[in-house]
Amino acid sequence: MRIDMRHLRAFLAVAELLHFRQAAERLNLAQPALSRTIQQLEEAIGVPLLTRNNRQVEITEPGRIFLDECKKLMAQLDLAIINTRRASQGEVGRLSIGYTDFAITGKLPTILEEFKSLYPEIKINLLFGSTEEQLALLNDGRIDVAFMTGPNRSPGLTSIIIQRDRFIAAVSNHHPLARRSEIELKELAEEPFIVGSMERWKHFRRHLDVLCMTAGFMPRISQETFNSEGIFGFVAANFGVTIHLECANNYIRKGVTTLSIKDANSFLETEAVWLTDTTTPTQRVFSNFIQSYGI
């Protein structure tokens, strides 16, 4: 015979009350039906769990061990039910988030810290990638939300702007311009540029080219690298200059001076993006949460 929850609940009631009639009333059962259920349980296990006579019921030593295990099992079942309900509401589960260099040096750490404090039982998986890579990951269902360079107006995507950064210049501390706090963009026309690779920075490179063309030149690329850390490493070594975003001031490395660009009035936006028609409970919770960070 297979033991089921009916047998366990019957045993727990009798073991707690040590009285068959009272246990039967609690379970809304006839007393003979309760007695048969306990007998079936004992036969299935192969050992007596209770001793009983007309006056009293006692738990055997094997019965005490079984009682302890039953309590653990029922507590685990209760927890499973609670967590399943919470998961349906998005309070428990997993969330995969993609991010770019600009997001992680901007608002994203603050956003994630606050979200984790509110929803500690949602496990967050972070995946770095370019804007183009994240769009592919979103469409493939491998990430739930992407923090990428905007604007994104693709059909089927919902987005919210969470960050808007001005362009800045960065030079080595040993560069003549390092003594300044502000420059005009054309002053960089003859400088070698350190930039992110087209493979990872295509979106930003388009903005950079437009910015420089507006000032009358195209940037002369001397070195390409994959991330901001590499860019500023080469700049610190005086291999060249770069144009980056003001969010870089949050983590700029030693040996680098940042300068405002007087005639660069445009901004670059970072957006939180997700598929409009494909939402999980945790994604809905996060997308509602992120609204307060929109600008």
Protein backbone atom coordinates (compact mmCIF):
# COMPACT_ATOMS: atom_id res chain seq x y z
CA MET A 1 0.00 0.00 0.00
CA ARG A 2 1.15 3.51 -0.81
CA ILE A 3 1.34 6.01 2.06
CA ASP A 4 -0.25 9.36 1.26
CA MET A 5 -1.00 12.65 3.04
CA ARG A 6 -4.26 11.22 4.43
CA HIS A 7 -2.29 8.68 6.48
CA LEU A 8 0.21 11.25 7.73
CA ARG A 9 -2.43 13.75 8.80
CA ALA A 10 -4.33 11.03 10.63
CA PHE A 11 -1.22 9.92 12.50
CA LEU A 12 -0.24 13.50 13.41
CA ALA A 13 -3.70 14.19 14.85
CA VAL A 14 -3.75 11.03 16.98
CA ALA A 15 -0.12 11.52 18.09
CA GLU A 16 -0.86 15.09 19.17
CA LEU A 17 -4.15 14.44 20.96
CA LEU A 18 -3.46 10.86 22.10
CA HIS A 19 -7.18 10.26 21.71
CA PHE A 20 -8.87 8.60 18.73
CA ARG A 21 -12.31 10.16 19.20
CA GLN A 22 -10.93 13.71 19.49
CA ALA A 23 -8.61 13.15 16.52
CA ALA A 24 -11.52 11.82 14.45
CA GLU A 25 -13.58 14.92 15.29
CA ARG A 26 -10.70 17.21 14.31
CA LEU A 27 -10.33 15.42 10.97
CA ASN A 28 -14.10 15.19 10.44
CA LEU A 29 -13.86 11.41 10.19
CA ALA A 30 -15.73 8.55 11.76
CA GLN A 31 -13.62 6.96 14.47
CA PRO A 32 -13.58 3.50 12.80
CA ALA A 33 -12.33 5.10 9.56
CA LEU A 34 -9.53 6.81 11.46
CA SER A 35 -8.58 3.54 13.16
CA ARG A 36 -8.40 1.79 9.76
CA THR A 37 -6.22 4.58 8.37
CA ILE A 38 -3.73 4.25 11.25
CA GLN A 39 -3.75 0.47 10.86
CA GLN A 40 -3.01 0.80 7.12
CA LEU A 41 -0.11 3.14 7.91
CA GLU A 42 1.39 0.74 10.45
CA GLU A 43 1.03 -2.19 8.04
CA ALA A 44 2.71 -0.22 5.27
CA ILE A 45 5.64 0.74 7.50
CA GLY A 46 5.83 -2.66 9.17
CA VAL A 47 6.07 -1.50 12.78
CA PRO A 48 3.52 -0.38 15.42
CA LEU A 49 3.44 3.39 15.85
CA LEU A 50 0.87 3.53 18.63
CA THR A 51 -0.26 1.34 21.51
CA ARG A 52 -3.88 1.71 22.50
CA ASN A 53 -6.45 0.28 24.85
CA ASN A 54 -9.85 1.43 25.97
CA ARG A 55 -8.42 4.10 28.24
CA GLN A 56 -5.32 5.60 26.61
CA VAL A 57 -3.14 5.91 23.53
CA GLU A 58 0.65 6.00 23.67
CA ILE A 59 3.30 6.53 21.02
CA THR A 60 5.88 3.76 20.60
CA GLU A 61 9.56 4.62 20.26
CA PRO A 62 9.49 3.99 16.48
CA GLY A 63 6.33 6.11 16.47
CA ARG A 64 8.19 9.03 18.07
CA ILE A 65 10.86 8.89 15.39
CA PHE A 66 8.18 8.75 12.69
CA LEU A 67 6.36 11.66 14.35
CA ASP A 68 9.48 13.84 14.23
CA GLU A 69 10.01 13.04 10.56
CA CYS A 70 6.35 13.69 9.75
CA LYS A 71 6.54 17.13 11.36
CA LYS A 72 9.60 17.96 9.27
CA LEU A 73 7.87 16.72 6.14
CA MET A 74 4.73 18.76 6.80
CA ALA A 75 6.78 21.86 7.54
CA GLN A 76 8.65 21.36 4.26
CA LEU A 77 5.35 20.92 2.44
CA ASP A 78 3.98 24.12 3.96
CA LEU A 79 7.13 25.96 2.88
CA ALA A 80 6.86 24.52 -0.63
CA ILE A 81 3.27 25.76 -0.88
CA ILE A 82 4.20 29.23 0.39
CA ASN A 83 7.18 29.52 -1.97
CA THR A 84 5.13 28.29 -4.92
CA ARG A 85 2.52 30.95 -4.26
CA ARG A 86 5.24 33.59 -3.84
CA ALA A 87 6.89 32.44 -7.06
CA SER A 88 3.60 32.93 -8.92
CA GLN A 89 3.64 36.51 -7.62
CA GLY A 90 7.28 37.02 -8.65
CA GLU A 91 8.67 37.22 -5.11
CA VAL A 92 10.75 34.04 -5.46
CA GLY A 93 12.61 32.83 -8.54
CA ARG A 94 15.35 33.78 -10.96
CA LEU A 95 16.05 36.86 -13.04
CA SER A 96 18.68 37.11 -15.80
CA ILE A 97 19.93 40.64 -16.47
CA GLY A 98 22.24 41.78 -19.24
CA TYR A 99 24.30 44.94 -18.90
CA THR A 100 26.82 47.16 -20.68
CA ASP A 101 29.89 49.02 -19.45
CA PHE A 102 27.90 52.22 -19.10
CA ALA A 103 25.12 50.61 -17.05
CA ILE A 104 27.44 48.99 -14.51
CA THR A 105 29.35 52.26 -13.98
CA GLY A 106 26.10 54.20 -13.70
CA LYS A 107 22.85 53.47 -11.88
CA LEU A 108 22.70 49.69 -12.22
CA PRO A 109 24.61 48.81 -9.00
CA THR A 110 22.26 51.02 -6.96
CA ILE A 111 19.21 49.55 -8.70
CA LEU A 112 20.33 45.98 -8.04
CA GLU A 113 21.23 46.68 -4.41
CA GLU A 114 17.79 48.10 -3.66
CA PHE A 115 16.00 45.36 -5.58
CA LYS A 116 17.88 42.63 -3.68
CA SER A 117 17.00 44.26 -0.36
CA LEU A 118 13.30 44.17 -1.30
CA TYR A 119 13.32 40.72 -2.94
CA PRO A 120 16.16 38.72 -1.36
CA GLU A 121 14.77 35.39 -2.62
CA ILE A 122 15.03 36.32 -6.29
CA LYS A 123 18.36 35.04 -7.56
CA ILE A 124 19.90 37.43 -10.09
CA ASN A 125 22.19 36.22 -12.85
CA LEU A 126 24.21 38.99 -14.55
CA LEU A 127 25.56 38.73 -18.08
CA PHE A 128 27.84 41.34 -19.70
CA GLY A 129 27.41 42.10 -23.37
CA SER A 130 27.21 44.76 -26.05
CA THR A 131 23.89 46.31 -27.01
CA GLU A 132 23.72 44.10 -30.11
CA GLU A 133 24.52 40.96 -28.10
CA GLN A 134 21.87 41.77 -25.52
CA LEU A 135 19.18 42.27 -28.15
CA ALA A 136 19.95 38.77 -29.44
CA LEU A 137 19.90 37.34 -25.90
CA LEU A 138 16.53 38.98 -25.22
CA ASN A 139 15.00 37.58 -28.39
CA ASP A 140 16.40 34.12 -27.61
CA GLY A 141 14.91 34.23 -24.10
CA ARG A 142 18.32 33.90 -22.43
CA ILE A 143 17.94 37.13 -20.45
CA ASP A 144 14.83 38.74 -18.99
CA VAL A 145 15.94 42.38 -18.92
CA ALA A 146 18.77 44.21 -20.68
CA PHE A 147 20.47 47.44 -19.65
CA MET A 148 21.78 48.74 -22.95
CA THR A 149 22.56 51.85 -24.94
CA GLY A 150 19.45 53.52 -26.33
CA PRO A 151 17.34 54.48 -27.99
CA ASN A 152 15.73 51.11 -28.72
CA ARG A 153 12.57 51.33 -30.80
CA SER A 154 12.43 47.78 -32.11
CA PRO A 155 8.94 46.25 -32.38
CA GLY A 156 8.08 43.99 -29.47
CA LEU A 157 10.35 45.74 -26.96
CA THR A 158 9.38 47.82 -23.94
CA SER A 159 12.00 50.23 -22.65
CA ILE A 160 12.50 52.86 -20.01
CA ILE A 161 15.36 55.38 -19.86
CA ILE A 162 17.21 55.03 -16.57
CA GLN A 163 20.37 57.01 -17.29
CA ARG A 164 21.37 59.96 -19.48
CA ASP A 165 25.08 60.82 -19.64
CA ARG A 166 27.02 63.67 -21.19
CA PHE A 167 30.12 62.97 -23.23
CA ILE A 168 33.47 63.73 -21.62
CA ALA A 169 37.08 63.56 -22.75
CA ALA A 170 39.75 61.61 -20.88
CA VAL A 171 43.51 62.12 -21.16
CA SER A 172 46.61 60.94 -19.34
CA ASN A 173 47.69 63.01 -16.35
CA HIS A 174 50.87 63.68 -18.35
CA HIS A 175 48.99 65.07 -21.35
CA PRO A 176 49.17 68.88 -21.85
CA LEU A 177 45.35 69.08 -21.74
CA ALA A 178 45.30 67.53 -18.25
CA ARG A 179 45.85 71.00 -16.80
CA ARG A 180 42.45 72.05 -18.14
CA SER A 181 38.95 71.30 -16.85
CA GLU A 182 37.12 71.94 -20.14
CA ILE A 183 37.98 71.73 -23.83
CA GLU A 184 36.36 72.11 -27.23
CA LEU A 185 36.00 68.88 -29.16
CA LYS A 186 38.06 70.11 -32.11
CA GLU A 187 41.12 70.26 -29.83
CA LEU A 188 41.22 66.45 -30.05
CA ALA A 189 41.22 66.37 -33.86
CA GLU A 190 44.92 65.47 -34.16
CA GLU A 191 45.04 63.17 -31.14
CA PRO A 192 45.25 59.36 -31.36
CA PHE A 193 42.05 57.83 -29.97
CA ILE A 194 41.64 54.81 -27.71
CA VAL A 195 38.19 53.31 -28.28
CA GLY A 196 36.12 50.20 -27.71
CA SER A 197 36.19 47.60 -30.47
CA MET A 198 33.54 47.65 -33.18
CA GLU A 199 32.61 44.12 -32.14
CA ARG A 200 31.47 45.27 -28.68
CA TRP A 201 31.08 49.06 -29.01
CA LYS A 202 29.36 49.48 -32.39
CA HIS A 203 26.45 51.47 -30.96
CA PHE A 204 28.72 53.87 -29.07
CA ARG A 205 31.14 54.19 -31.99
CA ARG A 206 28.31 55.48 -34.18
CA HIS A 207 27.59 58.20 -31.62
CA LEU A 208 31.30 59.00 -31.36
CA ASP A 209 31.66 59.41 -35.13
CA VAL A 210 28.63 61.71 -35.33
CA LEU A 211 29.93 63.77 -32.41
CA CYS A 212 33.37 64.21 -33.98
CA MET A 213 32.02 64.90 -37.47
CA THR A 214 29.92 67.70 -35.98
CA ALA A 215 33.22 69.22 -34.78
CA GLY A 216 34.77 68.81 -38.25
CA PHE A 217 36.88 65.66 -37.97
CA MET A 218 36.83 61.89 -37.73
CA PRO A 219 38.59 60.27 -34.75
CA ARG A 220 42.01 58.80 -35.60
CA ILE A 221 41.89 55.37 -33.97
CA SER A 222 45.20 54.13 -32.57
CA GLN A 223 44.06 51.34 -30.20
CA GLU A 224 40.91 49.29 -29.74
CA THR A 225 39.97 47.28 -26.66
CA PHE A 226 36.93 45.42 -25.32
CA ASN A 227 35.98 47.37 -22.20
CA SER A 228 36.28 50.65 -20.33
CA GLU A 229 39.00 49.30 -18.08
CA GLY A 230 41.19 48.65 -21.12
CA ILE A 231 40.39 52.05 -22.63
CA PHE A 232 41.40 53.95 -19.51
CA GLY A 233 44.44 51.74 -19.04
CA PHE A 234 45.78 52.80 -22.44
CA VAL A 235 44.84 56.42 -21.76
CA ALA A 236 46.67 56.36 -18.41
CA ALA A 237 49.74 55.04 -20.26
CA ASN A 238 49.47 58.05 -22.62
CA PHE A 239 48.81 55.93 -25.71
CA GLY A 240 46.06 58.33 -26.69
CA VAL A 241 42.89 60.09 -25.58
CA THR A 242 39.29 58.97 -25.50
CA ILE A 243 35.75 60.24 -25.43
CA HIS A 244 33.59 58.45 -22.92
CA LEU A 245 30.53 59.14 -20.74
CA GLU A 246 30.38 61.08 -17.50
CA CYS A 247 29.31 57.95 -15.60
CA ALA A 248 32.98 56.89 -15.92
CA ASN A 249 33.78 59.46 -13.23
CA ASN A 250 32.33 56.95 -10.74
CA TYR A 251 35.31 54.66 -11.17
CA ILE A 252 38.01 56.47 -13.16
CA ARG A 253 41.44 55.00 -12.54
CA LYS A 254 44.58 56.75 -11.34
CA GLY A 255 46.61 58.42 -14.04
CA VAL A 256 43.57 59.68 -15.98
CA THR A 257 42.08 63.18 -16.05
CA THR A 258 38.55 63.77 -17.32
CA LEU A 259 37.52 66.98 -19.06
CA SER A 260 34.16 68.53 -19.85
CA ILE A 261 33.53 69.09 -23.56
CA LYS A 262 32.16 72.59 -24.06
CA ASP A 263 30.53 71.97 -27.44
CA ALA A 264 29.23 68.42 -26.85
CA ASN A 265 25.63 69.09 -25.93
CA SER A 266 24.23 65.67 -26.77
CA PHE A 267 23.62 62.79 -24.38
CA LEU A 268 23.80 59.03 -24.52
CA GLU A 269 20.96 57.13 -22.92
CA THR A 270 21.02 53.81 -21.09
CA GLU A 271 17.72 51.97 -21.09
CA ALA A 272 16.20 48.99 -19.33
CA VAL A 273 14.62 46.86 -22.06
CA TRP A 274 12.48 43.71 -22.05
CA LEU A 275 10.23 41.79 -24.44
CA THR A 276 6.71 43.18 -24.29
CA ASP A 277 4.88 39.89 -24.81
CA THR A 278 7.16 37.51 -22.90
CA THR A 279 7.02 38.13 -19.18
CA THR A 280 7.67 35.93 -16.17
CA PRO A 281 6.42 36.75 -12.66
CA THR A 282 9.89 37.89 -11.56
CA GLN A 283 10.26 39.99 -14.70
CA ARG A 284 6.95 41.71 -13.99
CA VAL A 285 8.08 42.46 -10.44
CA PHE A 286 11.36 43.92 -11.72
CA SER A 287 9.78 45.96 -14.52
CA ASN A 288 7.33 47.49 -12.03
CA PHE A 289 10.18 48.20 -9.62
CA ILE A 290 12.37 49.86 -12.27
CA GLN A 291 9.69 52.44 -13.12
CA SER A 292 10.76 54.60 -10.18
CA TYR A 293 14.22 54.98 -11.75
CA GLY A 294 12.92 56.19 -15.10
CA ILE A 295 13.82 59.67 -16.29
